Amino acid sequence: MALGLFLALQVAIAEATDGLIAQAVVATIGLGIGVTLLSAEFGFAFAFRQAAEFRDFSIFRAHFLIFGLALPLMVPVIAAGSLFGIPVTGFATPVGPAFVLGALLFGIGMQLAGGCASGTLYLLGGGNAKFAGTLAGFILGSVLGAAHMGFWWSLPTLPPITLFSLGPWPVTLGLEVAVLVVVGWSIPHIAPLPRRLVLGAIALALLNAATLLAAGHPWSETWGFTLWGSKLAAMLGAHPEAWAYWSDGRSLYVGIFADTTSIMDLSIILGALLAAGLTGRFVWRAGGSPRVWIAAVLGGAIMGYGARLSGGCNIGAYFSSIVSGDLSGWVWCAVALPGSLLGLRLRRAIEGFGLPRTHSA
């Protein structure tokens, strides 16, 4: 079924883009990301949960492995501005009150829901129905955030700080990779990283580098949710074209099957569905009690709003920012950690029981 749906998606992309090969490649990369996330059970939110609740930073070693692999692949290409004639650009996000508040909110939301944006997509593809509620909440929160961005953008910010603004990029790149190696090696841990996480980290680093070439920018996710929700808001009588977020006058009118981020998001779900089917792990689960659903939807809405304020999620504002040389990703991480602790407490209050110390997205 997953392959049939993916072929249908490719047909829709071909019709929407007049057969543009780059978008078909993006869909294939997204399929690979979905397969990797589910197969490796690679949850970005889980590392934050373990660190916030148990002071256990060992899973962050998998993140550092991704960064150490992807930085040397992506930063030179971004510095060049193109590869094989394909223009590329990295992320460079200014840090200010909106960014900090957004990262804090996202930390709260991802623990309340039990998964971040990538976790929502791959767990939904794997059959966990509650993440349909999280995705709906995410879309709603993203639209509300987009509607308010005129105010948030009016607040002061610091200029973006990247490896390229700190000096010669080969030097700053070498320094960051060296720090990653030292810190990653120094993180206390009881056992080596599971093999699935090592392989998942390697695959995700390569797939993000491939995304840079195919899409012209690193992997991101939440733009797609904002586009879907804003189009729906317009259908219901709202006027998102008047919001500062859509002030370029073009982006809002791009079709979903022509939008790179939307294609990636849909393909991730299908990739997870494919992996679950091939491994016999697909089980449609109702998602639990009404309290669990309330936490899932509310967590998604908080994540959506926070993602708009901070310019992304665990992928766009953290993973892809860092590996494209943007140091704001480290600020996002530092702020999302206390947000995660607040989110865990809020989740217990809503769901009414303790959370097991087991893997989640």
Protein backbone atom coordinates (compact mmCIF):
# COMPACT_ATOMS: atom_id res chain seq x y z
CA MET A 1 0.00 0.00 0.00
CA ALA A 2 2.79 2.41 0.92
CA LEU A 3 4.48 2.00 -2.45
CA GLY A 4 1.18 2.51 -4.24
CA LEU A 5 0.56 5.72 -2.32
CA PHE A 6 4.10 6.87 -3.01
CA LEU A 7 3.66 6.28 -6.74
CA ALA A 8 0.40 8.26 -6.59
CA LEU A 9 2.30 11.06 -4.82
CA GLN A 10 4.95 11.03 -7.54
CA VAL A 11 2.23 11.31 -10.20
CA ALA A 12 0.68 14.26 -8.35
CA ILE A 13 4.10 15.91 -8.07
CA ALA A 14 4.77 15.40 -11.79
CA GLU A 15 1.43 17.00 -12.70
CA ALA A 16 1.93 19.92 -10.29
CA THR A 17 5.51 20.65 -11.35
CA ASP A 18 5.45 19.69 -15.04
CA GLY A 19 7.69 16.73 -14.33
CA LEU A 20 10.37 18.64 -12.40
CA ILE A 21 12.94 15.99 -11.52
CA ALA A 22 14.19 17.78 -8.39
CA GLN A 23 10.83 17.47 -6.65
CA ALA A 24 10.60 13.78 -7.49
CA VAL A 25 14.07 13.34 -5.96
CA VAL A 26 12.97 15.23 -2.83
CA ALA A 27 10.06 12.82 -2.47
CA THR A 28 12.43 9.85 -2.74
CA ILE A 29 14.74 11.35 -0.11
CA GLY A 30 11.73 11.92 2.15
CA LEU A 31 10.74 8.29 1.71
CA GLY A 32 14.25 7.30 2.81
CA ILE A 33 14.05 9.57 5.84
CA GLY A 34 10.75 8.01 6.89
CA VAL A 35 12.19 4.51 6.50
CA THR A 36 15.25 5.50 8.54
CA LEU A 37 13.35 7.20 11.36
CA LEU A 38 11.03 4.26 11.93
CA SER A 39 13.60 1.52 11.39
CA ALA A 40 16.12 3.14 13.74
CA GLU A 41 13.45 4.49 16.11
CA PHE A 42 15.42 7.71 15.89
CA GLY A 43 13.51 10.16 18.06
CA PHE A 44 14.95 13.63 18.56
CA ALA A 45 12.46 14.39 21.35
CA PHE A 46 13.58 11.33 23.33
CA ALA A 47 17.09 12.73 23.83
CA PHE A 48 15.61 15.91 25.29
CA ARG A 49 13.31 13.90 27.54
CA GLN A 50 16.12 11.76 28.93
CA ALA A 51 18.27 14.83 29.55
CA ALA A 52 15.50 16.92 31.13
CA GLU A 53 14.04 14.20 33.34
CA PHE A 54 16.98 11.96 34.22
CA ARG A 55 20.01 14.19 33.51
CA ASP A 56 20.98 11.51 31.02
CA PHE A 57 22.60 13.10 27.98
CA SER A 58 23.84 9.85 26.46
CA ILE A 59 21.36 9.85 23.54
CA PHE A 60 22.73 13.24 22.51
CA ARG A 61 25.81 11.34 21.36
CA ALA A 62 23.71 10.19 18.41
CA HIS A 63 22.91 13.83 17.62
CA PHE A 64 26.58 14.78 17.85
CA LEU A 65 27.42 11.93 15.50
CA ILE A 66 24.94 13.33 12.94
CA PHE A 67 26.39 16.82 13.30
CA GLY A 68 29.97 15.60 13.02
CA LEU A 69 29.15 13.71 9.81
CA ALA A 70 26.87 16.27 8.17
CA LEU A 71 28.84 19.46 8.88
CA PRO A 72 31.82 18.57 6.64
CA LEU A 73 29.41 17.46 3.91
CA MET A 74 27.15 20.50 3.93
CA VAL A 75 29.14 23.55 5.06
CA PRO A 76 31.58 23.56 2.09
CA VAL A 77 28.67 23.34 -0.34
CA ILE A 78 26.80 26.14 1.41
CA ALA A 79 29.98 28.24 1.43
CA ALA A 80 30.32 27.73 -2.34
CA GLY A 81 26.69 28.69 -2.89
CA SER A 82 26.16 25.97 -5.47
CA LEU A 83 27.24 22.51 -6.55
CA PHE A 84 27.12 21.25 -10.14
CA GLY A 85 25.34 24.48 -10.99
CA ILE A 86 22.61 23.89 -8.39
CA PRO A 87 22.19 26.94 -6.10
CA VAL A 88 22.06 26.11 -2.38
CA THR A 89 21.65 28.07 0.82
CA GLY A 90 21.87 27.24 4.51
CA PHE A 91 19.94 28.54 7.49
CA ALA A 92 20.94 31.70 9.37
CA THR A 93 18.39 32.58 12.06
CA PRO A 94 18.55 35.73 14.21
CA VAL A 95 18.07 35.15 17.93
CA GLY A 96 15.72 37.36 19.90
CA PRO A 97 12.77 37.15 22.32
CA ALA A 98 10.52 35.42 19.78
CA PHE A 99 13.16 32.79 18.99
CA VAL A 100 13.79 32.03 22.66
CA LEU A 101 10.08 31.85 23.51
CA GLY A 102 9.48 29.65 20.46
CA ALA A 103 12.19 27.17 21.47
CA LEU A 104 10.82 27.03 25.01
CA LEU A 105 7.29 26.41 23.74
CA PHE A 106 8.49 23.75 21.35
CA GLY A 107 10.26 21.93 24.18
CA ILE A 108 7.04 21.97 26.18
CA GLY A 109 4.93 20.81 23.26
CA MET A 110 7.14 17.95 22.09
CA GLN A 111 7.16 16.33 25.54
CA LEU A 112 3.47 16.96 26.07
CA ALA A 113 2.65 15.28 22.76
CA GLY A 114 5.30 12.57 23.11
CA GLY A 115 7.07 13.42 19.87
CA CYS A 116 8.44 16.31 17.81
CA ALA A 117 7.60 17.13 14.19
CA SER A 118 9.63 14.30 12.67
CA GLY A 119 8.38 11.95 15.40
CA THR A 120 4.79 12.93 14.66
CA LEU A 121 5.22 12.08 10.99
CA TYR A 122 6.98 8.74 11.37
CA LEU A 123 4.91 7.51 14.32
CA LEU A 124 1.72 8.37 12.44
CA GLY A 125 3.08 6.42 9.47
CA GLY A 126 3.80 3.54 11.83
CA GLY A 127 0.17 3.38 12.95
CA ASN A 128 -0.05 5.45 16.15
CA ALA A 129 -3.37 7.23 15.69
CA LYS A 130 -2.90 9.82 18.44
CA PHE A 131 -0.32 11.54 16.26
CA ALA A 132 -3.07 12.41 13.81
CA GLY A 133 -4.32 14.62 16.64
CA THR A 134 -0.82 15.96 17.20
CA LEU A 135 -0.50 16.80 13.50
CA ALA A 136 -3.88 18.57 13.52
CA GLY A 137 -2.82 20.56 16.58
CA PHE A 138 0.52 21.32 14.95
CA ILE A 139 -1.18 22.73 11.88
CA LEU A 140 -3.50 24.88 14.01
CA GLY A 141 -0.65 26.21 16.13
CA SER A 142 1.41 26.93 13.03
CA VAL A 143 -1.41 28.99 11.52
CA LEU A 144 -1.90 30.98 14.72
CA GLY A 145 1.83 31.62 14.87
CA ALA A 146 1.89 32.75 11.24
CA ALA A 147 -1.01 35.12 11.89
CA HIS A 148 0.94 36.76 14.74
CA MET A 149 4.37 36.94 13.11
CA GLY A 150 3.98 40.61 12.24
CA PHE A 151 4.20 41.37 15.97
CA TRP A 152 6.96 38.89 16.75
CA TRP A 153 9.11 40.08 13.85
CA SER A 154 8.84 43.65 15.17
CA LEU A 155 10.81 42.71 18.29
CA PRO A 156 14.58 43.28 18.37
CA THR A 157 16.96 40.45 17.47
CA LEU A 158 20.67 39.81 17.35
CA PRO A 159 22.20 39.35 13.91
CA PRO A 160 22.64 35.73 12.82
CA ILE A 161 25.92 34.13 13.87
CA THR A 162 27.24 31.43 11.57
CA LEU A 163 30.54 29.69 10.93
CA PHE A 164 30.90 32.00 7.94
CA SER A 165 30.55 35.18 10.02
CA LEU A 166 33.11 34.11 12.64
CA GLY A 167 36.08 33.79 10.32
CA PRO A 168 37.40 31.58 7.52
CA TRP A 169 34.89 28.75 7.34
CA PRO A 170 37.44 25.90 7.10
CA VAL A 171 38.88 27.04 10.45
CA THR A 172 35.54 27.53 12.19
CA LEU A 173 34.23 24.26 10.76
CA GLY A 174 37.26 22.40 12.06
CA LEU A 175 36.84 23.96 15.50
CA GLU A 176 33.16 23.02 15.73
CA VAL A 177 33.80 19.44 14.65
CA ALA A 178 36.63 19.19 17.18
CA VAL A 179 34.36 20.45 19.96
CA LEU A 180 31.68 17.97 18.92
CA VAL A 181 34.16 15.10 19.12
CA VAL A 182 35.47 16.14 22.54
CA VAL A 183 32.06 16.82 24.06
CA GLY A 184 30.48 13.74 22.50
CA TRP A 185 33.30 11.56 23.79
CA SER A 186 33.02 13.13 27.26
CA ILE A 187 29.28 12.60 27.74
CA PRO A 188 28.87 10.00 30.50
CA HIS A 189 27.17 6.83 29.33
CA ILE A 190 26.50 3.36 30.65
CA ALA A 191 26.60 1.51 27.35
CA PRO A 192 27.62 2.26 23.75
CA LEU A 193 25.05 3.77 21.43
CA PRO A 194 22.71 1.11 20.03
CA ARG A 195 23.70 0.05 16.55
CA ARG A 196 20.35 1.20 15.18
CA LEU A 197 21.03 4.76 16.35
CA VAL A 198 24.53 4.78 14.87
CA LEU A 199 23.23 3.57 11.51
CA GLY A 200 20.28 5.96 11.74
CA ALA A 201 22.60 8.89 12.42
CA ILE A 202 24.79 8.05 9.44
CA ALA A 203 21.76 7.70 7.15
CA LEU A 204 20.14 10.95 8.33
CA ALA A 205 23.38 12.89 7.87
CA LEU A 206 23.67 11.63 4.29
CA LEU A 207 19.97 12.22 3.57
CA ASN A 208 20.14 15.81 4.84
CA ALA A 209 23.14 16.45 2.60
CA ALA A 210 21.14 14.98 -0.30
CA THR A 211 18.22 17.24 0.60
CA LEU A 212 20.50 20.27 0.38
CA LEU A 213 21.35 19.39 -3.21
CA ALA A 214 17.84 18.39 -4.31
CA ALA A 215 15.87 21.12 -2.55
CA GLY A 216 18.51 23.85 -2.44
CA HIS A 217 18.26 24.05 1.36
CA PRO A 218 18.60 21.65 4.30
CA TRP A 219 15.79 19.41 5.57
CA SER A 220 12.87 21.25 7.18
CA GLU A 221 9.31 20.27 8.05
CA THR A 222 7.08 22.84 9.73
CA TRP A 223 6.76 25.24 6.78
CA GLY A 224 4.56 22.60 5.17
CA PHE A 225 2.20 22.46 8.15
CA THR A 226 1.86 26.26 8.04
CA LEU A 227 1.12 26.21 4.33
CA TRP A 228 -1.55 23.52 4.70
CA GLY A 229 -3.22 25.31 7.58
CA SER A 230 -3.11 28.71 5.93
CA LYS A 231 -4.72 27.35 2.78
CA LEU A 232 -7.44 25.79 4.91
CA ALA A 233 -7.89 29.07 6.80
CA ALA A 234 -8.36 30.86 3.47
CA MET A 235 -11.01 28.31 2.46
CA LEU A 236 -12.83 29.05 5.73
CA GLY A 237 -12.91 32.77 5.06
CA ALA A 238 -9.72 34.05 6.70
CA HIS A 239 -7.24 36.22 4.81
CA PRO A 240 -3.76 34.83 5.38
CA GLU A 241 -2.51 36.76 2.37
CA ALA A 242 -2.73 39.85 4.59
CA TRP A 243 -0.43 38.36 7.25
CA ALA A 244 3.19 39.49 7.38
CA TYR A 245 4.24 35.85 7.21
CA TRP A 246 2.99 35.58 3.63
CA SER A 247 4.04 39.07 2.61
CA ASP A 248 6.08 37.90 -0.40
CA GLY A 249 2.80 37.45 -2.25
CA ARG A 250 3.85 34.12 -3.78
CA SER A 251 4.54 31.39 -1.23
CA LEU A 252 0.95 31.04 -0.05
CA TYR A 253 -0.20 30.17 -3.55
CA VAL A 254 2.26 27.34 -4.19
CA GLY A 255 0.42 24.03 -4.56
CA ILE A 256 0.99 21.41 -1.89
CA PHE A 257 2.35 18.94 -4.44
CA ALA A 258 4.73 21.59 -5.77
CA ASP A 259 6.00 22.69 -2.35
CA THR A 260 9.29 21.04 -1.40
CA THR A 261 8.63 20.86 2.35
CA SER A 262 5.11 19.50 1.89
CA ILE A 263 6.42 16.82 -0.45
CA MET A 264 9.06 15.88 2.11
CA ASP A 265 6.52 15.69 4.97
CA LEU A 266 4.12 13.48 3.05
CA SER A 267 6.95 11.23 1.88
CA ILE A 268 8.24 10.75 5.44
CA ILE A 269 4.84 9.42 6.50
CA LEU A 270 4.83 7.03 3.55
CA GLY A 271 8.41 5.96 4.23
CA ALA A 272 7.51 5.07 7.81
CA LEU A 273 4.42 3.22 6.58
CA LEU A 274 6.60 1.30 4.12
CA ALA A 275 9.17 0.38 6.79
CA ALA A 276 6.45 -0.68 9.23
CA GLY A 277 4.81 -2.87 6.61
CA LEU A 278 8.04 -4.52 5.47
CA THR A 279 9.11 -5.34 9.02
CA GLY A 280 5.68 -6.42 10.22
CA ARG A 281 5.60 -3.60 12.76
CA PHE A 282 2.54 -1.75 11.50
CA VAL A 283 -0.19 -1.87 14.11
CA TRP A 284 -2.97 0.70 14.09
CA ARG A 285 -3.26 1.89 17.68
CA ALA A 286 -6.17 4.01 18.86
CA GLY A 287 -3.88 6.19 20.93
CA GLY A 288 -5.24 5.68 24.44
CA SER A 289 -7.63 7.57 26.68
CA PRO A 290 -9.18 10.99 25.98
CA ARG A 291 -6.55 12.50 28.27
CA VAL A 292 -3.81 11.13 26.04
CA TRP A 293 -5.48 12.68 23.01
CA ILE A 294 -5.87 16.02 24.78
CA ALA A 295 -2.15 16.02 25.57
CA ALA A 296 -1.34 15.02 21.98
CA VAL A 297 -3.43 17.76 20.36
CA LEU A 298 -2.43 20.45 22.84
CA GLY A 299 1.23 19.48 22.52
CA GLY A 300 0.98 19.72 18.75
CA ALA A 301 -0.61 23.19 18.94
CA ILE A 302 2.11 24.45 21.29
CA MET A 303 4.81 22.99 19.02
CA GLY A 304 3.25 24.61 15.97
CA TYR A 305 3.20 28.05 17.56
CA GLY A 306 6.70 27.62 18.95
CA ALA A 307 8.05 26.44 15.61
CA ARG A 308 6.85 29.58 13.88
CA LEU A 309 8.44 31.83 16.50
CA SER A 310 11.78 30.02 16.44
CA GLY A 311 11.84 29.34 12.72
CA GLY A 312 11.51 25.57 12.93
CA CYS A 313 11.47 22.41 15.00
CA ASN A 314 14.01 19.80 16.10
CA ILE A 315 14.86 19.51 12.42
CA GLY A 316 14.83 23.02 10.94
CA ALA A 317 15.78 25.02 14.03
CA TYR A 318 18.17 22.45 15.56
CA PHE A 319 19.55 19.68 13.32
CA SER A 320 19.55 21.50 9.99
CA SER A 321 20.57 24.84 11.48
CA ILE A 322 23.64 23.37 13.15
CA VAL A 323 24.77 21.32 10.16
CA SER A 324 24.43 24.33 7.85
CA GLY A 325 26.75 26.32 10.11
CA ASP A 326 24.13 28.33 11.99
CA LEU A 327 24.98 28.58 15.70
CA SER A 328 21.39 29.49 16.65
CA GLY A 329 20.70 25.75 16.71
CA TRP A 330 22.73 25.44 19.91
CA VAL A 331 20.71 28.24 21.52
CA TRP A 332 17.52 26.45 20.47
CA CYS A 333 18.76 23.24 22.09
CA ALA A 334 19.68 24.98 25.35
CA VAL A 335 16.25 26.62 25.63
CA ALA A 336 14.26 23.55 24.55
CA LEU A 337 15.76 21.52 27.41
CA PRO A 338 14.01 23.38 30.26
CA GLY A 339 10.92 23.53 28.06
CA SER A 340 11.04 19.74 27.88
CA LEU A 341 11.06 19.49 31.67
CA LEU A 342 7.98 21.72 31.87
CA GLY A 343 6.31 19.67 29.15
CA LEU A 344 6.90 16.41 31.00
CA ARG A 345 5.31 17.81 34.15
CA LEU A 346 2.36 19.13 32.18
CA ARG A 347 1.90 15.78 30.43
CA ARG A 348 1.75 13.96 33.77
CA ALA A 349 -0.80 16.46 35.04
CA ILE A 350 -3.03 15.98 31.99
CA GLU A 351 -2.64 12.24 31.45
CA GLY A 352 -2.81 11.48 35.17
CA PHE A 353 -0.09 8.86 35.45
CA GLY A 354 3.65 8.43 35.41
CA LEU A 355 5.56 8.03 32.18
CA PRO A 356 7.74 4.93 31.77
CA ARG A 357 11.41 5.36 31.05
CA THR A 358 11.15 3.95 27.55
CA HIS A 359 11.81 5.15 24.05
CA SER A 360 9.55 7.75 22.48
CA ALA A 361 9.94 10.03 19.51
